[in-house]
C-alpha atoms as a PDB file:
ATOM      1  CA  UNK A   1      15.623  -7.521   4.728  1.00  0.00           C
ATOM      2  CA  UNK A   2      18.068 -10.148   6.155  1.00  0.00           C
ATOM      3  CA  UNK A   3      18.525  -7.916   9.307  1.00  0.00           C
ATOM      4  CA  UNK A   4      14.811  -7.668   9.712  1.00  0.00           C
ATOM      5  CA  UNK A   5      14.322 -11.452   9.657  1.00  0.00           C
ATOM      6  CA  UNK A   6      17.275 -11.840  12.118  1.00  0.00           C
ATOM      7  CA  UNK A   7      15.681  -9.344  14.678  1.00  0.00           C
ATOM      8  CA  UNK A   8      12.231 -11.063  14.170  1.00  0.00           C
ATOM      9  CA  UNK A   9      13.891 -14.468  14.872  1.00  0.00           C
ATOM     10  CA  UNK A  10      15.705 -13.182  17.943  1.00  0.00           C
ATOM     11  CA  UNK A  11      12.413 -11.633  19.331  1.00  0.00           C
ATOM     12  CA  UNK A  12      10.675 -14.907  18.779  1.00  0.00           C
ATOM     13  CA  UNK A  13      13.487 -16.803  20.588  1.00  0.00           C
ATOM     14  CA  UNK A  14      13.297 -14.387  23.617  1.00  0.00           C
ATOM     15  CA  UNK A  15       9.440 -14.787  23.747  1.00  0.00           C
ATOM     16  CA  UNK A  16       9.828 -18.592  23.712  1.00  0.00           C
ATOM     17  CA  UNK A  17      12.243 -18.441  26.481  1.00  0.00           C
ATOM     18  CA  UNK A  18      10.113 -16.170  28.596  1.00  0.00           C
ATOM     19  CA  UNK A  19       7.064 -18.433  28.107  1.00  0.00           C
ATOM     20  CA  UNK A  20       9.152 -21.428  28.813  1.00  0.00           C
ATOM     21  CA  UNK A  21      10.257 -19.878  32.119  1.00  0.00           C
ATOM     22  CA  UNK A  22       6.781 -18.762  32.953  1.00  0.00           C
ATOM     23  CA  UNK A  23       5.372 -22.234  32.343  1.00  0.00           C
ATOM     24  CA  UNK A  24       8.131 -23.913  34.485  1.00  0.00           C
ATOM     25  CA  UNK A  25       7.514 -21.296  37.318  1.00  0.00           C
ATOM     26  CA  UNK A  26       3.644 -21.992  37.183  1.00  0.00           C
ATOM     27  CA  UNK A  27       4.167 -25.792  37.264  1.00  0.00           C
ATOM     28  CA  UNK A  28       6.543 -25.733  40.252  1.00  0.00           C
ATOM     29  CA  UNK A  29       4.095 -23.231  42.091  1.00  0.00           C
ATOM     30  CA  UNK A  30       1.284 -25.502  41.536  1.00  0.00           C
ATOM     31  CA  UNK A  31       3.071 -28.625  42.528  1.00  0.00           C
ATOM     32  CA  UNK A  32       4.278 -26.773  45.716  1.00  0.00           C
ATOM     33  CA  UNK A  33       0.720 -25.805  46.674  1.00  0.00           C
ATOM     34  CA  UNK A  34      -0.396 -29.394  46.185  1.00  0.00           C
ATOM     35  CA  UNK A  35       2.256 -30.633  48.591  1.00  0.00           C
ATOM     36  CA  UNK A  36       1.351 -27.924  51.210  1.00  0.00           C
ATOM     37  CA  UNK A  37      -2.358 -28.825  50.865  1.00  0.00           C
ATOM     38  CA  UNK A  38      -1.652 -32.341  52.059  1.00  0.00           C
ATOM     39  CA  UNK A  39      -0.949 -31.180  55.574  1.00  0.00           C
ATOM     40  CA  UNK A  40      -4.423 -30.520  56.986  1.00  0.00           C
ATOM     41  CA  UNK A  41      -5.204 -29.049  60.321  1.00  0.00           C
ATOM     42  CA  UNK A  42      -8.237 -28.743  62.384  1.00  0.00           C
ATOM     43  CA  UNK A  43      -9.030 -26.942  65.584  1.00  0.00           C
ATOM     44  CA  UNK A  44     -11.008 -28.643  68.124  1.00  0.00           C
ATOM     45  CA  UNK A  45     -13.379 -27.094  70.614  1.00  0.00           C
ATOM     46  CA  UNK A  46     -10.814 -27.183  73.300  1.00  0.00           C
ATOM     47  CA  UNK A  47      -8.470 -24.874  71.284  1.00  0.00           C
ATOM     48  CA  UNK A  48      -6.063 -27.760  70.230  1.00  0.00           C
ATOM     49  CA  UNK A  49      -4.913 -27.507  66.650  1.00  0.00           C
ATOM     50  CA  UNK A  50      -4.596 -31.064  65.296  1.00  0.00           C
ATOM     51  CA  UNK A  51      -2.417 -31.945  62.262  1.00  0.00           C
ATOM     52  CA  UNK A  52      -3.242 -35.029  60.442  1.00  0.00           C
ATOM     53  CA  UNK A  53       0.401 -35.668  59.405  1.00  0.00           C
ATOM     54  CA  UNK A  54       2.314 -38.595  60.728  1.00  0.00           C
ATOM     55  CA  UNK A  55       4.173 -37.412  63.894  1.00  0.00           C
ATOM     56  CA  UNK A  56       2.428 -34.076  63.765  1.00  0.00           C
ATOM     57  CA  UNK A  57       3.389 -30.987  65.647  1.00  0.00           C
ATOM     58  CA  UNK A  58       0.780 -30.478  68.368  1.00  0.00           C
ATOM     59  CA  UNK A  59      -0.146 -26.710  68.737  1.00  0.00           C
ATOM     60  CA  UNK A  60      -2.114 -25.868  71.808  1.00  0.00           C
ATOM     61  CA  UNK A  61      -3.471 -22.695  73.296  1.00  0.00           C
ATOM     62  CA  UNK A  62      -2.091 -21.278  76.608  1.00  0.00           C
ATOM     63  CA  UNK A  63      -4.768 -22.951  78.816  1.00  0.00           C
ATOM     64  CA  UNK A  64      -4.059 -26.399  77.273  1.00  0.00           C
ATOM     65  CA  UNK A  65      -0.334 -25.988  77.350  1.00  0.00           C
ATOM     66  CA  UNK A  66      -0.445 -24.956  81.112  1.00  0.00           C
ATOM     67  CA  UNK A  67      -2.645 -28.055  81.736  1.00  0.00           C
ATOM     68  CA  UNK A  68      -0.064 -30.325  79.962  1.00  0.00           C
ATOM     69  CA  UNK A  69       2.985 -28.911  81.758  1.00  0.00           C
ATOM     70  CA  UNK A  70       1.581 -28.029  85.138  1.00  0.00           C
ATOM     71  CA  UNK A  71       3.077 -30.244  87.918  1.00  0.00           C
ATOM     72  CA  UNK A  72       4.676 -32.633  85.450  1.00  0.00           C
ATOM     73  CA  UNK A  73       8.323 -33.240  84.774  1.00  0.00           C
ATOM     74  CA  UNK A  74       8.495 -32.274  81.002  1.00  0.00           C
ATOM     75  CA  UNK A  75      10.940 -31.094  78.565  1.00  0.00           C
ATOM     76  CA  UNK A  76      10.034 -27.440  78.320  1.00  0.00           C
ATOM     77  CA  UNK A  77      12.117 -25.529  76.039  1.00  0.00           C
ATOM     78  CA  UNK A  78      12.164 -21.625  75.584  1.00  0.00           C
ATOM     79  CA  UNK A  79      13.742 -20.973  72.213  1.00  0.00           C
ATOM     80  CA  UNK A  80      14.087 -17.177  72.713  1.00  0.00           C
ATOM     81  CA  UNK A  81      17.399 -15.375  73.158  1.00  0.00           C
ATOM     82  CA  UNK A  82      19.116 -15.452  76.629  1.00  0.00           C
ATOM     83  CA  UNK A  83      18.132 -11.768  77.196  1.00  0.00           C
ATOM     84  CA  UNK A  84      14.534 -12.585  76.511  1.00  0.00           C
ATOM     85  CA  UNK A  85      14.648 -15.550  78.861  1.00  0.00           C
ATOM     86  CA  UNK A  86      15.965 -13.592  81.699  1.00  0.00           C
ATOM     87  CA  UNK A  87      13.241 -10.995  81.188  1.00  0.00           C
ATOM     88  CA  UNK A  88      10.668 -13.641  82.060  1.00  0.00           C
ATOM     89  CA  UNK A  89       9.978 -17.301  81.354  1.00  0.00           C
ATOM     90  CA  UNK A  90       7.716 -20.212  82.213  1.00  0.00           C
ATOM     91  CA  UNK A  91       8.665 -22.045  85.333  1.00  0.00           C
ATOM     92  CA  UNK A  92      10.993 -24.977  84.832  1.00  0.00           C
ATOM     93  CA  UNK A  93      11.843 -23.948  81.159  1.00  0.00           C
ATOM     94  CA  UNK A  94      15.342 -24.395  79.756  1.00  0.00           C
ATOM     95  CA  UNK A  95      16.613 -21.837  77.391  1.00  0.00           C
ATOM     96  CA  UNK A  96      17.882 -23.217  74.007  1.00  0.00           C
ATOM     97  CA  UNK A  97      18.155 -20.178  71.686  1.00  0.00           C
ATOM     98  CA  UNK A  98      17.068 -21.187  68.240  1.00  0.00           C
ATOM     99  CA  UNK A  99      19.552 -18.547  66.834  1.00  0.00           C
ATOM    100  CA  UNK A 100      22.421 -20.203  68.510  1.00  0.00           C
ATOM    101  CA  UNK A 101      24.644 -22.370  66.203  1.00  0.00           C
ATOM    102  CA  UNK A 102      24.545 -25.053  68.911  1.00  0.00           C
ATOM    103  CA  UNK A 103      20.745 -25.420  68.801  1.00  0.00           C
ATOM    104  CA  UNK A 104      20.688 -28.757  67.055  1.00  0.00           C
ATOM    105  CA  UNK A 105      23.561 -30.057  69.226  1.00  0.00           C
ATOM    106  CA  UNK A 106      21.792 -28.961  72.357  1.00  0.00           C
ATOM    107  CA  UNK A 107      18.342 -30.292  71.394  1.00  0.00           C
ATOM    108  CA  UNK A 108      19.684 -33.596  70.181  1.00  0.00           C
ATOM    109  CA  UNK A 109      20.591 -34.298  73.962  1.00  0.00           C
ATOM    110  CA  UNK A 110      16.839 -34.308  74.720  1.00  0.00           C
ATOM    111  CA  UNK A 111      14.844 -37.575  75.290  1.00  0.00           C
ATOM    112  CA  UNK A 112      13.129 -38.551  72.111  1.00  0.00           C
ATOM    113  CA  UNK A 113      10.688 -40.902  74.076  1.00  0.00           C
ATOM    114  CA  UNK A 114       9.065 -37.893  75.786  1.00  0.00           C
ATOM    115  CA  UNK A 115       7.354 -34.939  74.085  1.00  0.00           C
ATOM    116  CA  UNK A 116       9.165 -31.531  73.870  1.00  0.00           C
ATOM    117  CA  UNK A 117       7.143 -28.518  74.746  1.00  0.00           C
ATOM    118  CA  UNK A 118       8.367 -25.394  72.978  1.00  0.00           C
ATOM    119  CA  UNK A 119       7.482 -21.727  73.051  1.00  0.00           C
ATOM    120  CA  UNK A 120       8.914 -18.439  72.174  1.00  0.00           C
ATOM    121  CA  UNK A 121       7.580 -14.750  72.066  1.00  0.00           C
ATOM    122  CA  UNK A 122       4.683 -15.167  69.406  1.00  0.00           C
ATOM    123  CA  UNK A 123       4.915 -18.622  68.175  1.00  0.00           C
ATOM    124  CA  UNK A 124       6.910 -18.276  64.989  1.00  0.00           C
ATOM    125  CA  UNK A 125      10.314 -19.202  66.188  1.00  0.00           C
ATOM    126  CA  UNK A 126       8.958 -21.932  68.313  1.00  0.00           C
ATOM    127  CA  UNK A 127       7.221 -23.366  65.068  1.00  0.00           C
ATOM    128  CA  UNK A 128      10.570 -23.199  63.313  1.00  0.00           C
ATOM    129  CA  UNK A 129      12.206 -25.076  66.189  1.00  0.00           C
ATOM    130  CA  UNK A 130       9.289 -27.563  66.299  1.00  0.00           C
ATOM    131  CA  UNK A 131       9.785 -28.309  62.659  1.00  0.00           C
ATOM    132  CA  UNK A 132      13.549 -28.979  63.276  1.00  0.00           C
ATOM    133  CA  UNK A 133      12.731 -31.170  66.110  1.00  0.00           C
ATOM    134  CA  UNK A 134      10.098 -33.059  64.271  1.00  0.00           C
ATOM    135  CA  UNK A 135      12.247 -33.603  61.296  1.00  0.00           C
ATOM    136  CA  UNK A 136      14.684 -35.304  63.842  1.00  0.00           C
ATOM    137  CA  UNK A 137      12.159 -37.611  65.283  1.00  0.00           C
ATOM    138  CA  UNK A 138      10.926 -35.768  68.436  1.00  0.00           C
ATOM    139  CA  UNK A 139       7.282 -35.432  69.390  1.00  0.00           C
ATOM    140  CA  UNK A 140       6.551 -31.725  69.666  1.00  0.00           C
ATOM    141  CA  UNK A 141       3.928 -29.599  71.451  1.00  0.00           C
ATOM    142  CA  UNK A 142       4.094 -25.728  70.449  1.00  0.00           C
ATOM    143  CA  UNK A 143       2.461 -22.911  72.509  1.00  0.00           C
ATOM    144  CA  UNK A 144       0.284 -21.283  69.966  1.00  0.00           C
ATOM    145  CA  UNK A 145       0.590 -17.523  70.419  1.00  0.00           C
ATOM    146  CA  UNK A 146       3.928 -17.962  72.367  1.00  0.00           C
ATOM    147  CA  UNK A 147       4.616 -16.158  75.710  1.00  0.00           C
ATOM    148  CA  UNK A 148       2.297 -13.281  74.584  1.00  0.00           C
ATOM    149  CA  UNK A 149      -0.657 -15.724  74.567  1.00  0.00           C
ATOM    150  CA  UNK A 150       0.577 -17.151  77.739  1.00  0.00           C
ATOM    151  CA  UNK A 151       0.501 -13.740  79.655  1.00  0.00           C
ATOM    152  CA  UNK A 152      -2.802 -12.692  77.847  1.00  0.00           C
ATOM    153  CA  UNK A 153      -4.437 -15.679  79.655  1.00  0.00           C
ATOM    154  CA  UNK A 154      -3.170 -14.541  83.086  1.00  0.00           C
ATOM    155  CA  UNK A 155      -0.225 -17.114  83.443  1.00  0.00           C
ATOM    156  CA  UNK A 156       2.809 -15.849  85.423  1.00  0.00           C
ATOM    157  CA  UNK A 157       6.309 -15.774  84.343  1.00  0.00           C
ATOM    158  CA  UNK A 158       9.494 -16.500  86.491  1.00  0.00           C
ATOM    159  CA  UNK A 159      12.315 -13.909  86.489  1.00  0.00           C
END
């Protein structure tokens, strides 16, 4: 009889711990989704994706990216690997590999008073780089769709 009560109490304690952990997980998940929902984005007719956060990362399509960098002295950063860079890059881009341990050191040398234009192959690594740069006070413009979107729109690469 005593053993049965002890087993029942242990089972009840296990259930209590399980439900407590489940409730904690649910609460954290809910709060995280609330935080994410505060950063709202809208897409304009010109293809520019606007972010309503302070110091947003501006994401633009290939046509707008080309317009913003064409014929201007801008800070244009290709965050792909050196091998990818040598296979073809946008004219006047410099290669600062996001996977390199010196990425932060190298990008900290850039001018914070001017926007930085970033791109990669598909837009994933450049958004990661953009977030890193933004967190350090840079204004960032990201090529939406990366170099793939650039080429699909008929823009050339330099080898």
